[in-house]
Amino acid sequence: EVQLVESGGGAVQPGGSLRLSCVASGFTFRISGMRWVRQAPGKGLEWVSSISVGGSTTYADSVKGRFTISRDNAKNTLFLQMNSLKPEDTAVYYCTRVSDGSRGQGTQVTVSS
């Protein structure tokens, strides 16, 4: 059974930082492309960033230069380092497996002064 467990969310002020983690199990993480997506209140899912099996990364324009996706295959863990956070980054963040869209329960990020 595929399991993805996100953590690291919280409430921060604008300009602050958070590091999200996603621990994967039930599949071979090191050969799986992974993504972070988010859902803001009242809105649909928005793609944030992807990382390939080989470590290539892509970002949505809205987060480029502020967020960094990475992975630790030895620990079956996906990360999202979020810097210079803005109120519009407020959302529930999910890690997902590219091949089938499996995702975890999400972690809430709230950016507010």
C-alpha atoms as a PDB file:
ATOM      1  CA  GLU A   1       0.000   0.000   0.000  1.00  0.00           C
ATOM      2  CA  VAL A   2       1.346   3.394  -1.021  1.00  0.00           C
ATOM      3  CA  GLN A   3       1.705   5.750   1.931  1.00  0.00           C
ATOM      4  CA  LEU A   4       2.849   9.359   1.865  1.00  0.00           C
ATOM      5  CA  VAL A   5       3.046  11.256   5.136  1.00  0.00           C
ATOM      6  CA  GLU A   6       3.667  14.991   5.020  1.00  0.00           C
ATOM      7  CA  SER A   7       4.860  17.112   7.917  1.00  0.00           C
ATOM      8  CA  GLY A   8       6.510  20.433   8.663  1.00  0.00           C
ATOM      9  CA  GLY A   9       3.674  22.828   8.032  1.00  0.00           C
ATOM     10  CA  GLY A  10       2.691  25.611  10.385  1.00  0.00           C
ATOM     11  CA  ALA A  11       1.946  29.282  10.763  1.00  0.00           C
ATOM     12  CA  VAL A  12       4.608  31.806   9.813  1.00  0.00           C
ATOM     13  CA  GLN A  13       4.831  35.503   9.102  1.00  0.00           C
ATOM     14  CA  PRO A  14       5.442  36.823   5.594  1.00  0.00           C
ATOM     15  CA  GLY A  15       9.098  36.464   4.717  1.00  0.00           C
ATOM     16  CA  GLY A  16       9.491  33.412   6.901  1.00  0.00           C
ATOM     17  CA  SER A  17      10.604  29.903   6.023  1.00  0.00           C
ATOM     18  CA  LEU A  18       9.356  26.364   6.438  1.00  0.00           C
ATOM     19  CA  ARG A  19      10.691  22.982   5.404  1.00  0.00           C
ATOM     20  CA  LEU A  20       8.147  20.362   4.466  1.00  0.00           C
ATOM     21  CA  SER A  21       8.923  16.649   4.540  1.00  0.00           C
ATOM     22  CA  CYS A  22       7.135  13.670   3.027  1.00  0.00           C
ATOM     23  CA  VAL A  23       8.037  10.144   4.071  1.00  0.00           C
ATOM     24  CA  ALA A  24       7.121   7.520   1.497  1.00  0.00           C
ATOM     25  CA  SER A  25       6.482   3.808   1.908  1.00  0.00           C
ATOM     26  CA  GLY A  26       4.848   0.945   0.031  1.00  0.00           C
ATOM     27  CA  PHE A  27       6.667   1.564  -3.247  1.00  0.00           C
ATOM     28  CA  THR A  28      10.180   1.991  -4.629  1.00  0.00           C
ATOM     29  CA  PHE A  29      10.740   5.666  -3.901  1.00  0.00           C
ATOM     30  CA  ARG A  30      14.094   5.974  -5.646  1.00  0.00           C
ATOM     31  CA  ILE A  31      12.575   5.153  -9.048  1.00  0.00           C
ATOM     32  CA  SER A  32       9.524   7.376  -8.628  1.00  0.00           C
ATOM     33  CA  GLY A  33       9.079  10.905  -9.884  1.00  0.00           C
ATOM     34  CA  MET A  34       7.544  13.047  -7.155  1.00  0.00           C
ATOM     35  CA  ARG A  35       5.683  16.335  -6.935  1.00  0.00           C
ATOM     36  CA  TRP A  36       4.429  18.862  -4.454  1.00  0.00           C
ATOM     37  CA  VAL A  37       0.994  20.320  -5.075  1.00  0.00           C
ATOM     38  CA  ARG A  38      -1.084  22.655  -2.943  1.00  0.00           C
ATOM     39  CA  GLN A  39      -4.674  23.636  -2.430  1.00  0.00           C
ATOM     40  CA  ALA A  40      -5.583  27.077  -1.180  1.00  0.00           C
ATOM     41  CA  PRO A  41      -8.923  27.667   0.555  1.00  0.00           C
ATOM     42  CA  GLY A  42     -11.745  27.528  -1.956  1.00  0.00           C
ATOM     43  CA  LYS A  43      -9.443  26.728  -4.884  1.00  0.00           C
ATOM     44  CA  GLY A  44      -8.364  23.675  -6.851  1.00  0.00           C
ATOM     45  CA  LEU A  45      -5.100  21.806  -6.713  1.00  0.00           C
ATOM     46  CA  GLU A  46      -2.079  23.764  -7.950  1.00  0.00           C
ATOM     47  CA  TRP A  47       1.165  22.177  -9.016  1.00  0.00           C
ATOM     48  CA  VAL A  48       4.153  23.590  -7.111  1.00  0.00           C
ATOM     49  CA  SER A  49       7.256  21.606  -8.021  1.00  0.00           C
ATOM     50  CA  SER A  50       8.495  18.276  -9.377  1.00  0.00           C
ATOM     51  CA  ILE A  51      11.634  16.223  -9.059  1.00  0.00           C
ATOM     52  CA  SER A  52      12.577  13.407 -11.384  1.00  0.00           C
ATOM     53  CA  VAL A  53      14.242  10.097 -10.596  1.00  0.00           C
ATOM     54  CA  GLY A  54      17.512  11.645 -11.699  1.00  0.00           C
ATOM     55  CA  GLY A  55      17.045  14.730  -9.549  1.00  0.00           C
ATOM     56  CA  SER A  56      15.967  17.218 -12.210  1.00  0.00           C
ATOM     57  CA  THR A  57      13.658  19.866 -10.770  1.00  0.00           C
ATOM     58  CA  THR A  58      10.947  22.159 -12.099  1.00  0.00           C
ATOM     59  CA  TYR A  59       8.937  24.875 -10.392  1.00  0.00           C
ATOM     60  CA  ALA A  60       5.785  26.856 -10.876  1.00  0.00           C
ATOM     61  CA  ASP A  61       6.540  30.469 -11.748  1.00  0.00           C
ATOM     62  CA  SER A  62       4.826  31.570  -8.543  1.00  0.00           C
ATOM     63  CA  VAL A  63       7.440  29.821  -6.361  1.00  0.00           C
ATOM     64  CA  LYS A  64      10.539  29.853  -8.558  1.00  0.00           C
ATOM     65  CA  GLY A  65      13.534  31.268  -6.718  1.00  0.00           C
ATOM     66  CA  ARG A  66      11.854  30.874  -3.322  1.00  0.00           C
ATOM     67  CA  PHE A  67      11.142  27.121  -3.020  1.00  0.00           C
ATOM     68  CA  THR A  68      13.551  24.215  -3.409  1.00  0.00           C
ATOM     69  CA  ILE A  69      12.488  20.611  -3.885  1.00  0.00           C
ATOM     70  CA  SER A  70      14.858  17.792  -2.990  1.00  0.00           C
ATOM     71  CA  ARG A  71      14.850  14.113  -2.162  1.00  0.00           C
ATOM     72  CA  ASP A  72      16.776  11.689   0.038  1.00  0.00           C
ATOM     73  CA  ASN A  73      16.385   8.277  -1.524  1.00  0.00           C
ATOM     74  CA  ALA A  74      18.180   6.571   1.369  1.00  0.00           C
ATOM     75  CA  LYS A  75      15.461   7.832   3.709  1.00  0.00           C
ATOM     76  CA  ASN A  76      12.551   7.613   1.247  1.00  0.00           C
ATOM     77  CA  THR A  77      11.868  11.271   1.925  1.00  0.00           C
ATOM     78  CA  LEU A  78      10.851  14.214  -0.241  1.00  0.00           C
ATOM     79  CA  PHE A  79      11.460  17.780   0.909  1.00  0.00           C
ATOM     80  CA  LEU A  80      10.249  21.264   0.057  1.00  0.00           C
ATOM     81  CA  GLN A  81      12.269  24.155   1.439  1.00  0.00           C
ATOM     82  CA  MET A  82      10.105  27.272   1.337  1.00  0.00           C
ATOM     83  CA  ASN A  83      11.700  30.674   1.833  1.00  0.00           C
ATOM     84  CA  SER A  84      10.383  34.231   1.543  1.00  0.00           C
ATOM     85  CA  LEU A  85       6.883  32.986   2.152  1.00  0.00           C
ATOM     86  CA  LYS A  86       3.960  35.137   1.064  1.00  0.00           C
ATOM     87  CA  PRO A  87       0.320  35.164   2.199  1.00  0.00           C
ATOM     88  CA  GLU A  88      -0.644  33.688  -1.161  1.00  0.00           C
ATOM     89  CA  ASP A  89       1.392  30.589  -0.304  1.00  0.00           C
ATOM     90  CA  THR A  90      -1.220  29.714   2.322  1.00  0.00           C
ATOM     91  CA  ALA A  91      -2.561  26.272   1.418  1.00  0.00           C
ATOM     92  CA  VAL A  92      -2.571  22.612   2.274  1.00  0.00           C
ATOM     93  CA  TYR A  93       0.530  21.085   0.727  1.00  0.00           C
ATOM     94  CA  TYR A  94       0.559  17.509  -0.556  1.00  0.00           C
ATOM     95  CA  CYS A  95       3.324  15.314  -1.899  1.00  0.00           C
ATOM     96  CA  THR A  96       2.248  13.124  -4.767  1.00  0.00           C
ATOM     97  CA  ARG A  97       3.669  10.304  -6.821  1.00  0.00           C
ATOM     98  CA  VAL A  98       3.846  11.291 -10.479  1.00  0.00           C
ATOM     99  CA  SER A  99       2.914   7.872 -11.891  1.00  0.00           C
ATOM    100  CA  ASP A 100      -0.541   7.643 -10.328  1.00  0.00           C
ATOM    101  CA  GLY A 101      -1.180  10.817  -8.346  1.00  0.00           C
ATOM    102  CA  SER A 102      -1.184   9.067  -4.978  1.00  0.00           C
ATOM    103  CA  ARG A 103      -0.949  11.675  -2.246  1.00  0.00           C
ATOM    104  CA  GLY A 104      -0.822  11.985   1.492  1.00  0.00           C
ATOM    105  CA  GLN A 105      -3.103  13.742   3.944  1.00  0.00           C
ATOM    106  CA  GLY A 106      -1.367  17.052   3.477  1.00  0.00           C
ATOM    107  CA  THR A 107       0.178  19.601   5.798  1.00  0.00           C
ATOM    108  CA  GLN A 108      -1.243  23.081   6.386  1.00  0.00           C
ATOM    109  CA  VAL A 109       0.896  26.143   5.692  1.00  0.00           C
ATOM    110  CA  THR A 110      -0.461  29.500   6.829  1.00  0.00           C
ATOM    111  CA  VAL A 111       1.386  32.731   6.053  1.00  0.00           C
ATOM    112  CA  SER A 112      -0.047  35.701   7.871  1.00  0.00           C
ATOM    113  CA  SER A 113       1.038  38.714   9.855  1.00  0.00           C
END
